[in-house]
């Protein structure tokens, strides 16, 4: 949730590529994913130093975050529930 909140504020994220995180951070498009501490450090420093990259990833993050609006998610759940109910 925190990554989508950041994205909705035009902020790219840096996180470990674990669990469901790669589903909400698109590496190199909406933020940066790291496999270990050194990659995390390198990615964070890159975003701190590169304003152009930070801005581009932030804009992409905002656009991508619109795929996760509650209204859209609720419609998707409704489809699943209706499909289950038909069985």
C-alpha atoms as a PDB file:
ATOM      1  CA  UNK A   1       0.000   0.000   0.000  1.00  0.00           C
ATOM      2  CA  UNK A   2       2.786   2.433   0.848  1.00  0.00           C
ATOM      3  CA  UNK A   3       4.285   2.131  -2.637  1.00  0.00           C
ATOM      4  CA  UNK A   4       0.956   2.991  -4.276  1.00  0.00           C
ATOM      5  CA  UNK A   5       0.552   5.961  -1.942  1.00  0.00           C
ATOM      6  CA  UNK A   6       3.986   7.208  -2.970  1.00  0.00           C
ATOM      7  CA  UNK A   7       3.177   6.629  -6.641  1.00  0.00           C
ATOM      8  CA  UNK A   8      -0.073   8.585  -6.311  1.00  0.00           C
ATOM      9  CA  UNK A   9       2.093  11.511  -5.134  1.00  0.00           C
ATOM     10  CA  UNK A  10       4.445  11.192  -8.161  1.00  0.00           C
ATOM     11  CA  UNK A  11       7.179   9.609  -6.073  1.00  0.00           C
ATOM     12  CA  UNK A  12       9.179   6.642  -7.357  1.00  0.00           C
ATOM     13  CA  UNK A  13      10.038   3.915  -4.867  1.00  0.00           C
ATOM     14  CA  UNK A  14      13.108   1.860  -4.119  1.00  0.00           C
ATOM     15  CA  UNK A  15      12.475  -1.540  -2.556  1.00  0.00           C
ATOM     16  CA  UNK A  16      13.619  -5.124  -2.400  1.00  0.00           C
ATOM     17  CA  UNK A  17      12.263  -7.381  -5.161  1.00  0.00           C
ATOM     18  CA  UNK A  18      10.435  -9.634  -2.704  1.00  0.00           C
ATOM     19  CA  UNK A  19       6.884 -10.890  -2.340  1.00  0.00           C
ATOM     20  CA  UNK A  20       4.278  -8.811  -4.148  1.00  0.00           C
ATOM     21  CA  UNK A  21       6.459  -5.691  -4.382  1.00  0.00           C
ATOM     22  CA  UNK A  22       7.418  -6.299  -8.039  1.00  0.00           C
ATOM     23  CA  UNK A  23       3.694  -6.186  -8.858  1.00  0.00           C
ATOM     24  CA  UNK A  24       3.444  -2.562  -7.709  1.00  0.00           C
ATOM     25  CA  UNK A  25       6.924  -1.290  -8.566  1.00  0.00           C
ATOM     26  CA  UNK A  26       7.915  -1.783 -12.191  1.00  0.00           C
ATOM     27  CA  UNK A  27      11.711  -1.838 -12.153  1.00  0.00           C
ATOM     28  CA  UNK A  28      13.140   1.017 -14.181  1.00  0.00           C
ATOM     29  CA  UNK A  29       9.669   2.362 -14.999  1.00  0.00           C
ATOM     30  CA  UNK A  30       7.941   3.383 -11.759  1.00  0.00           C
ATOM     31  CA  UNK A  31      10.794   2.826  -9.348  1.00  0.00           C
ATOM     32  CA  UNK A  32      13.814   0.652  -8.721  1.00  0.00           C
ATOM     33  CA  UNK A  33      13.985  -2.865  -7.328  1.00  0.00           C
ATOM     34  CA  UNK A  34      16.963  -4.312  -5.515  1.00  0.00           C
ATOM     35  CA  UNK A  35      18.011  -7.889  -4.836  1.00  0.00           C
ATOM     36  CA  UNK A  36      20.393  -7.061  -1.995  1.00  0.00           C
ATOM     37  CA  UNK A  37      21.684  -4.267   0.232  1.00  0.00           C
ATOM     38  CA  UNK A  38      24.300  -3.040  -2.255  1.00  0.00           C
ATOM     39  CA  UNK A  39      21.712  -2.713  -5.033  1.00  0.00           C
ATOM     40  CA  UNK A  40      19.341  -0.940  -2.633  1.00  0.00           C
ATOM     41  CA  UNK A  41      22.063   1.548  -1.683  1.00  0.00           C
ATOM     42  CA  UNK A  42      23.056   2.105  -5.316  1.00  0.00           C
ATOM     43  CA  UNK A  43      19.430   2.615  -6.410  1.00  0.00           C
ATOM     44  CA  UNK A  44      18.659   5.050  -3.599  1.00  0.00           C
ATOM     45  CA  UNK A  45      21.768   7.107  -4.366  1.00  0.00           C
ATOM     46  CA  UNK A  46      20.914   7.121  -8.064  1.00  0.00           C
ATOM     47  CA  UNK A  47      17.459   8.557  -7.387  1.00  0.00           C
ATOM     48  CA  UNK A  48      18.864  11.124  -4.969  1.00  0.00           C
ATOM     49  CA  UNK A  49      21.422  12.337  -7.516  1.00  0.00           C
ATOM     50  CA  UNK A  50      19.458  12.056 -10.791  1.00  0.00           C
ATOM     51  CA  UNK A  51      16.579  14.553 -10.736  1.00  0.00           C
ATOM     52  CA  UNK A  52      15.591  13.777 -14.338  1.00  0.00           C
ATOM     53  CA  UNK A  53      15.287  10.037 -13.614  1.00  0.00           C
ATOM     54  CA  UNK A  54      13.451  10.716 -10.353  1.00  0.00           C
ATOM     55  CA  UNK A  55      10.925  12.916 -12.155  1.00  0.00           C
ATOM     56  CA  UNK A  56      10.414  10.446 -15.042  1.00  0.00           C
ATOM     57  CA  UNK A  57       9.894   7.489 -12.704  1.00  0.00           C
ATOM     58  CA  UNK A  58       7.562   9.586 -10.567  1.00  0.00           C
ATOM     59  CA  UNK A  59       5.397  10.519 -13.559  1.00  0.00           C
ATOM     60  CA  UNK A  60       5.225   6.874 -14.627  1.00  0.00           C
ATOM     61  CA  UNK A  61       4.414   5.853 -11.062  1.00  0.00           C
ATOM     62  CA  UNK A  62       1.475   8.267 -10.947  1.00  0.00           C
ATOM     63  CA  UNK A  63       0.062   6.886 -14.200  1.00  0.00           C
ATOM     64  CA  UNK A  64       0.549   3.292 -13.049  1.00  0.00           C
ATOM     65  CA  UNK A  65      -1.059   3.969  -9.652  1.00  0.00           C
ATOM     66  CA  UNK A  66      -4.349   4.742 -11.382  1.00  0.00           C
ATOM     67  CA  UNK A  67      -4.646   1.009 -12.124  1.00  0.00           C
ATOM     68  CA  UNK A  68      -5.098   0.442  -8.392  1.00  0.00           C
ATOM     69  CA  UNK A  69      -8.047   2.731  -7.626  1.00  0.00           C
ATOM     70  CA  UNK A  70     -10.540   1.297  -5.136  1.00  0.00           C
ATOM     71  CA  UNK A  71     -13.353   1.536  -7.670  1.00  0.00           C
ATOM     72  CA  UNK A  72     -11.441  -0.600 -10.170  1.00  0.00           C
ATOM     73  CA  UNK A  73     -10.356  -3.096  -7.528  1.00  0.00           C
ATOM     74  CA  UNK A  74     -13.944  -3.401  -6.262  1.00  0.00           C
ATOM     75  CA  UNK A  75     -15.173  -4.148  -9.809  1.00  0.00           C
ATOM     76  CA  UNK A  76     -12.518  -6.864 -10.167  1.00  0.00           C
ATOM     77  CA  UNK A  77     -13.569  -8.454  -6.867  1.00  0.00           C
ATOM     78  CA  UNK A  78     -17.199  -8.311  -7.979  1.00  0.00           C
ATOM     79  CA  UNK A  79     -16.308 -10.232 -11.170  1.00  0.00           C
ATOM     80  CA  UNK A  80     -14.537 -12.896  -9.124  1.00  0.00           C
ATOM     81  CA  UNK A  81     -17.435 -13.258  -6.691  1.00  0.00           C
ATOM     82  CA  UNK A  82     -19.967 -13.547  -9.533  1.00  0.00           C
ATOM     83  CA  UNK A  83     -17.845 -16.192 -11.240  1.00  0.00           C
ATOM     84  CA  UNK A  84     -17.632 -18.176  -8.006  1.00  0.00           C
ATOM     85  CA  UNK A  85     -21.369 -17.840  -7.416  1.00  0.00           C
ATOM     86  CA  UNK A  86     -22.104 -19.368 -10.843  1.00  0.00           C
ATOM     87  CA  UNK A  87     -20.212 -22.568  -9.936  1.00  0.00           C
END
